Amino acid sequence: MWQVLRSELASQNFEIITVGCDAKGAEVEREFIEIANPEYPCLIDTKFVVTELYNTRNVPALFWIDESGRIVRGNDPAYMTRRDPETGIRTPNERYMDVVRDWVKNGSESIYVTSNDVTQERLGASDESNQQAMAHFRLGVHLDSHGQHAEAVEQFKAALALKPDNWNYRRQAYNLGNADEYGMTMQEAMQAVGPMYAVALQLPDAPKT
């Protein structure tokens, strides 16, 4: 659906850039990109630099960047398709697509653009514990890639102890091993440390016409 939206809005100076991060390496990300065959740029961040700079805690995390390079809305946890839990059928997330269309049309006047203070609040602030957690996480990925899985698990545990609500760390750690190594499943973790999305998707109602 991102490709659909990009094709529709490209003539209005709209572009999409995706950044994939996977602890298993670039080849895992590349496989998904090649299957999708998108027309927009798809980057692979093997060092989790974007994750650190933008303070993301889960996937997806969507950021709106205007033509001057300023983030005008950040950390939206929005999938572009929705799955019906009863039928399993996926349908386009027309609500969020309409929100993006409104921004492209109205720019800074869009009701979905957030103020500087709100944008910063949604991004959050990096502190020493963030930096320490990322260091543990990166070391864990490095150790696992060199066959030292047990040592990697200890580093992932240290990262999660510092930032238990960072689902990027938890999902990647589980992806490299299994939930038993961390004492709880994803479902149990959601109950223990809270939902995956630290920032809820908040969209004001569109004005009636």
C-alpha atoms as a PDB file:
ATOM      1  CA  MET A   1       0.000   0.000   0.000  1.00  0.00           C
ATOM      2  CA  TRP A   2       2.966   2.325   0.423  1.00  0.00           C
ATOM      3  CA  GLN A   3       3.724   1.767  -3.244  1.00  0.00           C
ATOM      4  CA  VAL A   4       0.121   2.607  -4.134  1.00  0.00           C
ATOM      5  CA  LEU A   5       0.313   5.814  -2.130  1.00  0.00           C
ATOM      6  CA  ARG A   6       3.682   6.735  -3.565  1.00  0.00           C
ATOM      7  CA  SER A   7       2.453   6.250  -7.138  1.00  0.00           C
ATOM      8  CA  GLU A   8      -0.547   8.437  -6.380  1.00  0.00           C
ATOM      9  CA  LEU A   9       1.342  11.287  -4.696  1.00  0.00           C
ATOM     10  CA  ALA A  10       4.779  11.287  -6.367  1.00  0.00           C
ATOM     11  CA  SER A  11       3.834  14.160  -8.653  1.00  0.00           C
ATOM     12  CA  GLN A  12       3.095  16.267  -5.542  1.00  0.00           C
ATOM     13  CA  ASN A  13       6.688  16.150  -4.273  1.00  0.00           C
ATOM     14  CA  PHE A  14       6.035  13.160  -1.999  1.00  0.00           C
ATOM     15  CA  GLU A  15       8.600  10.431  -1.451  1.00  0.00           C
ATOM     16  CA  ILE A  16       8.888   7.401   0.781  1.00  0.00           C
ATOM     17  CA  ILE A  17      12.111   6.082   2.266  1.00  0.00           C
ATOM     18  CA  THR A  18      12.105   2.889   4.298  1.00  0.00           C
ATOM     19  CA  VAL A  19      14.812   1.730   6.663  1.00  0.00           C
ATOM     20  CA  GLY A  20      15.006  -1.934   7.593  1.00  0.00           C
ATOM     21  CA  CYS A  21      16.846  -3.187  10.689  1.00  0.00           C
ATOM     22  CA  ASP A  22      17.280  -6.891  11.360  1.00  0.00           C
ATOM     23  CA  ALA A  23      19.716  -8.527  13.753  1.00  0.00           C
ATOM     24  CA  LYS A  24      20.073 -11.437  11.334  1.00  0.00           C
ATOM     25  CA  GLY A  25      21.739  -9.192   8.785  1.00  0.00           C
ATOM     26  CA  ALA A  26      21.245  -7.338   5.539  1.00  0.00           C
ATOM     27  CA  GLU A  27      20.420 -10.409   3.459  1.00  0.00           C
ATOM     28  CA  VAL A  28      17.263 -11.053   5.479  1.00  0.00           C
ATOM     29  CA  GLU A  29      16.070  -7.495   4.828  1.00  0.00           C
ATOM     30  CA  ARG A  30      17.097  -7.615   1.177  1.00  0.00           C
ATOM     31  CA  GLU A  31      14.927 -10.677   0.559  1.00  0.00           C
ATOM     32  CA  PHE A  32      11.768  -8.848   1.632  1.00  0.00           C
ATOM     33  CA  ILE A  33      12.686  -5.755  -0.380  1.00  0.00           C
ATOM     34  CA  GLU A  34      13.278  -7.752  -3.554  1.00  0.00           C
ATOM     35  CA  ILE A  35       9.954  -9.559  -3.171  1.00  0.00           C
ATOM     36  CA  ALA A  36       8.105  -6.260  -2.728  1.00  0.00           C
ATOM     37  CA  ASN A  37      10.020  -4.650  -5.616  1.00  0.00           C
ATOM     38  CA  PRO A  38       9.150  -1.072  -4.594  1.00  0.00           C
ATOM     39  CA  GLU A  39       9.933   2.018  -6.657  1.00  0.00           C
ATOM     40  CA  TYR A  40      10.985   4.078  -3.637  1.00  0.00           C
ATOM     41  CA  PRO A  41      14.362   3.902  -1.831  1.00  0.00           C
ATOM     42  CA  CYS A  42      14.759   1.092   0.712  1.00  0.00           C
ATOM     43  CA  LEU A  43      17.744   1.329   3.021  1.00  0.00           C
ATOM     44  CA  ILE A  44      19.218  -1.363   5.264  1.00  0.00           C
ATOM     45  CA  ASP A  45      20.641  -0.256   8.602  1.00  0.00           C
ATOM     46  CA  THR A  46      22.808  -3.094   9.926  1.00  0.00           C
ATOM     47  CA  LYS A  47      24.107  -1.018  12.857  1.00  0.00           C
ATOM     48  CA  PHE A  48      20.706   0.199  14.136  1.00  0.00           C
ATOM     49  CA  VAL A  49      21.855   3.796  13.777  1.00  0.00           C
ATOM     50  CA  VAL A  50      18.421   5.094  12.759  1.00  0.00           C
ATOM     51  CA  THR A  51      16.838   3.181  15.632  1.00  0.00           C
ATOM     52  CA  GLU A  52      19.170   4.995  18.021  1.00  0.00           C
ATOM     53  CA  LEU A  53      18.918   8.477  16.497  1.00  0.00           C
ATOM     54  CA  TYR A  54      15.125   8.429  16.170  1.00  0.00           C
ATOM     55  CA  ASN A  55      14.616   6.643  19.500  1.00  0.00           C
ATOM     56  CA  THR A  56      12.253   4.062  18.017  1.00  0.00           C
ATOM     57  CA  ARG A  57      10.900   1.333  20.277  1.00  0.00           C
ATOM     58  CA  ASN A  58       9.081  -0.873  17.811  1.00  0.00           C
ATOM     59  CA  VAL A  59       8.300  -1.530  14.155  1.00  0.00           C
ATOM     60  CA  PRO A  60       6.673   0.153  12.348  1.00  0.00           C
ATOM     61  CA  ALA A  61       7.673   3.646  13.369  1.00  0.00           C
ATOM     62  CA  LEU A  62       6.648   6.274  10.826  1.00  0.00           C
ATOM     63  CA  PHE A  63       8.140   9.752  10.584  1.00  0.00           C
ATOM     64  CA  TRP A  64       6.966  12.666   8.478  1.00  0.00           C
ATOM     65  CA  ILE A  65       9.771  14.906   7.224  1.00  0.00           C
ATOM     66  CA  ASP A  66       8.903  18.083   5.372  1.00  0.00           C
ATOM     67  CA  GLU A  67      10.725  19.649   2.425  1.00  0.00           C
ATOM     68  CA  SER A  68      13.027  21.583   4.781  1.00  0.00           C
ATOM     69  CA  GLY A  69      14.152  18.384   6.506  1.00  0.00           C
ATOM     70  CA  ARG A  70      12.129  18.959   9.693  1.00  0.00           C
ATOM     71  CA  ILE A  71      10.244  16.142  11.419  1.00  0.00           C
ATOM     72  CA  VAL A  72       6.634  17.299  11.655  1.00  0.00           C
ATOM     73  CA  ARG A  73       5.152  14.096  13.016  1.00  0.00           C
ATOM     74  CA  GLY A  74       6.958  11.142  14.505  1.00  0.00           C
ATOM     75  CA  ASN A  75       6.830   7.597  15.816  1.00  0.00           C
ATOM     76  CA  ASP A  76       3.442   6.661  14.357  1.00  0.00           C
ATOM     77  CA  PRO A  77       2.796   2.908  14.889  1.00  0.00           C
ATOM     78  CA  ALA A  78       0.707   2.524  11.739  1.00  0.00           C
ATOM     79  CA  TYR A  79       0.505  -0.502   9.484  1.00  0.00           C
ATOM     80  CA  MET A  80      -0.703   0.182   5.953  1.00  0.00           C
ATOM     81  CA  THR A  81      -2.982  -2.850   5.994  1.00  0.00           C
ATOM     82  CA  ARG A  82      -5.316  -4.088   8.683  1.00  0.00           C
ATOM     83  CA  ARG A  83      -6.079  -7.719   9.440  1.00  0.00           C
ATOM     84  CA  ASP A  84      -9.553  -8.815  10.457  1.00  0.00           C
ATOM     85  CA  PRO A  85      -8.973 -11.096  13.491  1.00  0.00           C
ATOM     86  CA  GLU A  86     -11.997 -13.231  12.607  1.00  0.00           C
ATOM     87  CA  THR A  87     -11.518 -13.702   8.862  1.00  0.00           C
ATOM     88  CA  GLY A  88      -7.776 -13.067   8.537  1.00  0.00           C
ATOM     89  CA  ILE A  89      -8.492 -10.858   5.524  1.00  0.00           C
ATOM     90  CA  ARG A  90      -6.251  -7.810   5.124  1.00  0.00           C
ATOM     91  CA  THR A  91      -7.606  -4.505   3.879  1.00  0.00           C
ATOM     92  CA  PRO A  92      -5.877  -1.155   3.192  1.00  0.00           C
ATOM     93  CA  ASN A  93      -5.563   1.240   6.107  1.00  0.00           C
ATOM     94  CA  GLU A  94      -7.502   3.950   4.311  1.00  0.00           C
ATOM     95  CA  ARG A  95      -7.687   6.096   7.429  1.00  0.00           C
ATOM     96  CA  TYR A  96      -3.936   6.547   7.648  1.00  0.00           C
ATOM     97  CA  MET A  97      -3.592   6.869   3.882  1.00  0.00           C
ATOM     98  CA  ASP A  98      -6.091   9.745   3.982  1.00  0.00           C
ATOM     99  CA  VAL A  99      -4.088  11.358   6.781  1.00  0.00           C
ATOM    100  CA  VAL A 100      -0.935  11.279   4.635  1.00  0.00           C
ATOM    101  CA  ARG A 101      -2.893  12.631   1.661  1.00  0.00           C
ATOM    102  CA  ASP A 102      -4.066  15.544   3.809  1.00  0.00           C
ATOM    103  CA  TRP A 103      -0.497  16.367   4.818  1.00  0.00           C
ATOM    104  CA  VAL A 104       0.745  16.252   1.225  1.00  0.00           C
ATOM    105  CA  LYS A 105      -2.100  18.532   0.156  1.00  0.00           C
ATOM    106  CA  ASN A 106      -2.012  21.039   3.021  1.00  0.00           C
ATOM    107  CA  GLY A 107       1.585  20.890   4.238  1.00  0.00           C
ATOM    108  CA  SER A 108       2.175  22.674   7.536  1.00  0.00           C
ATOM    109  CA  GLU A 109      -1.522  23.603   7.655  1.00  0.00           C
ATOM    110  CA  SER A 110      -2.556  19.950   7.919  1.00  0.00           C
ATOM    111  CA  ILE A 111      -4.334  19.189  11.192  1.00  0.00           C
ATOM    112  CA  TYR A 112      -2.194  16.058  11.469  1.00  0.00           C
ATOM    113  CA  VAL A 113       1.102  17.935  11.691  1.00  0.00           C
ATOM    114  CA  THR A 114       2.130  18.132  15.348  1.00  0.00           C
ATOM    115  CA  SER A 115       3.685  21.074  17.152  1.00  0.00           C
ATOM    116  CA  ASN A 116       7.402  21.081  17.910  1.00  0.00           C
ATOM    117  CA  ASP A 117       6.737  20.252  21.569  1.00  0.00           C
ATOM    118  CA  VAL A 118       4.420  17.349  20.752  1.00  0.00           C
ATOM    119  CA  THR A 119       6.773  16.050  18.078  1.00  0.00           C
ATOM    120  CA  GLN A 120       9.676  16.080  20.533  1.00  0.00           C
ATOM    121  CA  GLU A 121       7.550  14.382  23.176  1.00  0.00           C
ATOM    122  CA  ARG A 122       6.663  11.631  20.725  1.00  0.00           C
ATOM    123  CA  LEU A 123      10.307  11.181  19.760  1.00  0.00           C
ATOM    124  CA  GLY A 124      11.428  11.111  23.370  1.00  0.00           C
ATOM    125  CA  ALA A 125      14.851  12.033  24.637  1.00  0.00           C
ATOM    126  CA  SER A 126      17.919   9.848  24.600  1.00  0.00           C
ATOM    127  CA  ASP A 127      19.703   9.560  27.939  1.00  0.00           C
ATOM    128  CA  GLU A 128      22.596   7.593  29.350  1.00  0.00           C
ATOM    129  CA  SER A 129      20.471   4.498  29.908  1.00  0.00           C
ATOM    130  CA  ASN A 130      19.446   4.556  26.227  1.00  0.00           C
ATOM    131  CA  GLN A 131      23.083   4.677  25.201  1.00  0.00           C
ATOM    132  CA  GLN A 132      24.072   1.887  27.587  1.00  0.00           C
ATOM    133  CA  ALA A 133      21.163  -0.300  26.431  1.00  0.00           C
ATOM    134  CA  MET A 134      22.090   0.217  22.782  1.00  0.00           C
ATOM    135  CA  ALA A 135      25.708  -0.667  23.534  1.00  0.00           C
ATOM    136  CA  HIS A 136      24.616  -3.937  25.168  1.00  0.00           C
ATOM    137  CA  PHE A 137      22.287  -4.671  22.285  1.00  0.00           C
ATOM    138  CA  ARG A 138      24.908  -4.037  19.592  1.00  0.00           C
ATOM    139  CA  LEU A 139      27.405  -6.189  21.479  1.00  0.00           C
ATOM    140  CA  GLY A 140      24.791  -8.948  21.672  1.00  0.00           C
ATOM    141  CA  VAL A 141      24.218  -8.844  17.921  1.00  0.00           C
ATOM    142  CA  HIS A 142      27.976  -8.939  17.336  1.00  0.00           C
ATOM    143  CA  LEU A 143      28.503 -11.896  19.670  1.00  0.00           C
ATOM    144  CA  ASP A 144      25.629 -13.853  18.154  1.00  0.00           C
ATOM    145  CA  SER A 145      26.974 -13.293  14.637  1.00  0.00           C
ATOM    146  CA  HIS A 146      30.264 -14.822  15.799  1.00  0.00           C
ATOM    147  CA  GLY A 147      28.686 -17.948  17.266  1.00  0.00           C
ATOM    148  CA  GLN A 148      28.689 -16.828  20.892  1.00  0.00           C
ATOM    149  CA  HIS A 149      24.956 -17.072  21.449  1.00  0.00           C
ATOM    150  CA  ALA A 150      24.972 -17.636  25.220  1.00  0.00           C
ATOM    151  CA  GLU A 151      27.123 -14.551  25.730  1.00  0.00           C
ATOM    152  CA  ALA A 152      24.850 -12.624  23.342  1.00  0.00           C
ATOM    153  CA  VAL A 153      21.774 -13.520  25.411  1.00  0.00           C
ATOM    154  CA  GLU A 154      23.387 -12.005  28.496  1.00  0.00           C
ATOM    155  CA  GLN A 155      23.959  -8.749  26.611  1.00  0.00           C
ATOM    156  CA  PHE A 156      20.373  -8.703  25.354  1.00  0.00           C
ATOM    157  CA  LYS A 157      19.163  -9.277  28.914  1.00  0.00           C
ATOM    158  CA  ALA A 158      21.247  -6.318  30.065  1.00  0.00           C
ATOM    159  CA  ALA A 159      19.705  -4.121  27.349  1.00  0.00           C
ATOM    160  CA  LEU A 160      16.197  -5.217  28.325  1.00  0.00           C
ATOM    161  CA  ALA A 161      16.893  -4.636  32.011  1.00  0.00           C
ATOM    162  CA  LEU A 162      17.698  -1.018  31.183  1.00  0.00           C
ATOM    163  CA  LYS A 163      14.865  -0.578  28.659  1.00  0.00           C
ATOM    164  CA  PRO A 164      12.212  -3.271  29.220  1.00  0.00           C
ATOM    165  CA  ASP A 165       9.665  -1.402  27.079  1.00  0.00           C
ATOM    166  CA  ASN A 166      11.930  -1.253  24.023  1.00  0.00           C
ATOM    167  CA  TRP A 167      10.310  -3.806  21.760  1.00  0.00           C
ATOM    168  CA  ASN A 168      12.996  -3.423  19.123  1.00  0.00           C
ATOM    169  CA  TYR A 169      15.437  -5.051  21.532  1.00  0.00           C
ATOM    170  CA  ARG A 170      13.010  -7.744  22.633  1.00  0.00           C
ATOM    171  CA  ARG A 171      11.805  -8.726  19.178  1.00  0.00           C
ATOM    172  CA  GLN A 172      15.310  -8.850  17.733  1.00  0.00           C
ATOM    173  CA  ALA A 173      16.627 -10.848  20.694  1.00  0.00           C
ATOM    174  CA  TYR A 174      13.773 -13.340  20.415  1.00  0.00           C
ATOM    175  CA  ASN A 175      14.366 -13.491  16.671  1.00  0.00           C
ATOM    176  CA  LEU A 176      17.927 -14.648  17.226  1.00  0.00           C
ATOM    177  CA  GLY A 177      16.984 -17.195  19.875  1.00  0.00           C
ATOM    178  CA  ASN A 178      13.744 -18.058  21.623  1.00  0.00           C
ATOM    179  CA  ALA A 179      11.501 -16.646  24.310  1.00  0.00           C
ATOM    180  CA  ASP A 180      12.474 -19.335  26.846  1.00  0.00           C
ATOM    181  CA  GLU A 181      15.908 -17.755  27.130  1.00  0.00           C
ATOM    182  CA  TYR A 182      14.283 -14.586  28.484  1.00  0.00           C
ATOM    183  CA  GLY A 183      11.716 -16.171  30.764  1.00  0.00           C
ATOM    184  CA  MET A 184       8.579 -14.928  29.027  1.00  0.00           C
ATOM    185  CA  THR A 185       6.734 -15.057  25.725  1.00  0.00           C
ATOM    186  CA  MET A 186       5.845 -11.961  23.732  1.00  0.00           C
ATOM    187  CA  GLN A 187       2.298 -12.141  25.109  1.00  0.00           C
ATOM    188  CA  GLU A 188       3.571 -12.427  28.678  1.00  0.00           C
ATOM    189  CA  ALA A 189       5.967  -9.543  28.078  1.00  0.00           C
ATOM    190  CA  MET A 190       3.119  -7.331  26.905  1.00  0.00           C
ATOM    191  CA  GLN A 191       1.314  -8.008  30.168  1.00  0.00           C
ATOM    192  CA  ALA A 192       4.446  -7.545  32.259  1.00  0.00           C
ATOM    193  CA  VAL A 193       5.987  -4.422  30.699  1.00  0.00           C
ATOM    194  CA  GLY A 194       3.112  -2.871  28.770  1.00  0.00           C
ATOM    195  CA  PRO A 195       2.018  -2.713  25.139  1.00  0.00           C
ATOM    196  CA  MET A 196       4.455  -2.729  22.249  1.00  0.00           C
ATOM    197  CA  TYR A 197       3.692   0.841  21.271  1.00  0.00           C
ATOM    198  CA  ALA A 198       4.914   3.419  23.766  1.00  0.00           C
ATOM    199  CA  VAL A 199       3.395   6.113  21.548  1.00  0.00           C
ATOM    200  CA  ALA A 200      -0.229   5.557  20.638  1.00  0.00           C
ATOM    201  CA  LEU A 201      -1.488   6.480  17.198  1.00  0.00           C
ATOM    202  CA  GLN A 202      -3.435   9.664  17.846  1.00  0.00           C
ATOM    203  CA  LEU A 203      -5.288  11.150  14.900  1.00  0.00           C
ATOM    204  CA  PRO A 204      -7.705  14.069  15.285  1.00  0.00           C
ATOM    205  CA  ASP A 205     -11.013  13.781  13.470  1.00  0.00           C
ATOM    206  CA  ALA A 206     -11.044  15.349  10.044  1.00  0.00           C
ATOM    207  CA  PRO A 207     -13.140  18.534   9.843  1.00  0.00           C
ATOM    208  CA  LYS A 208     -16.598  18.028   8.403  1.00  0.00           C
ATOM    209  CA  THR A 209     -17.186  19.529   4.996  1.00  0.00           C
END
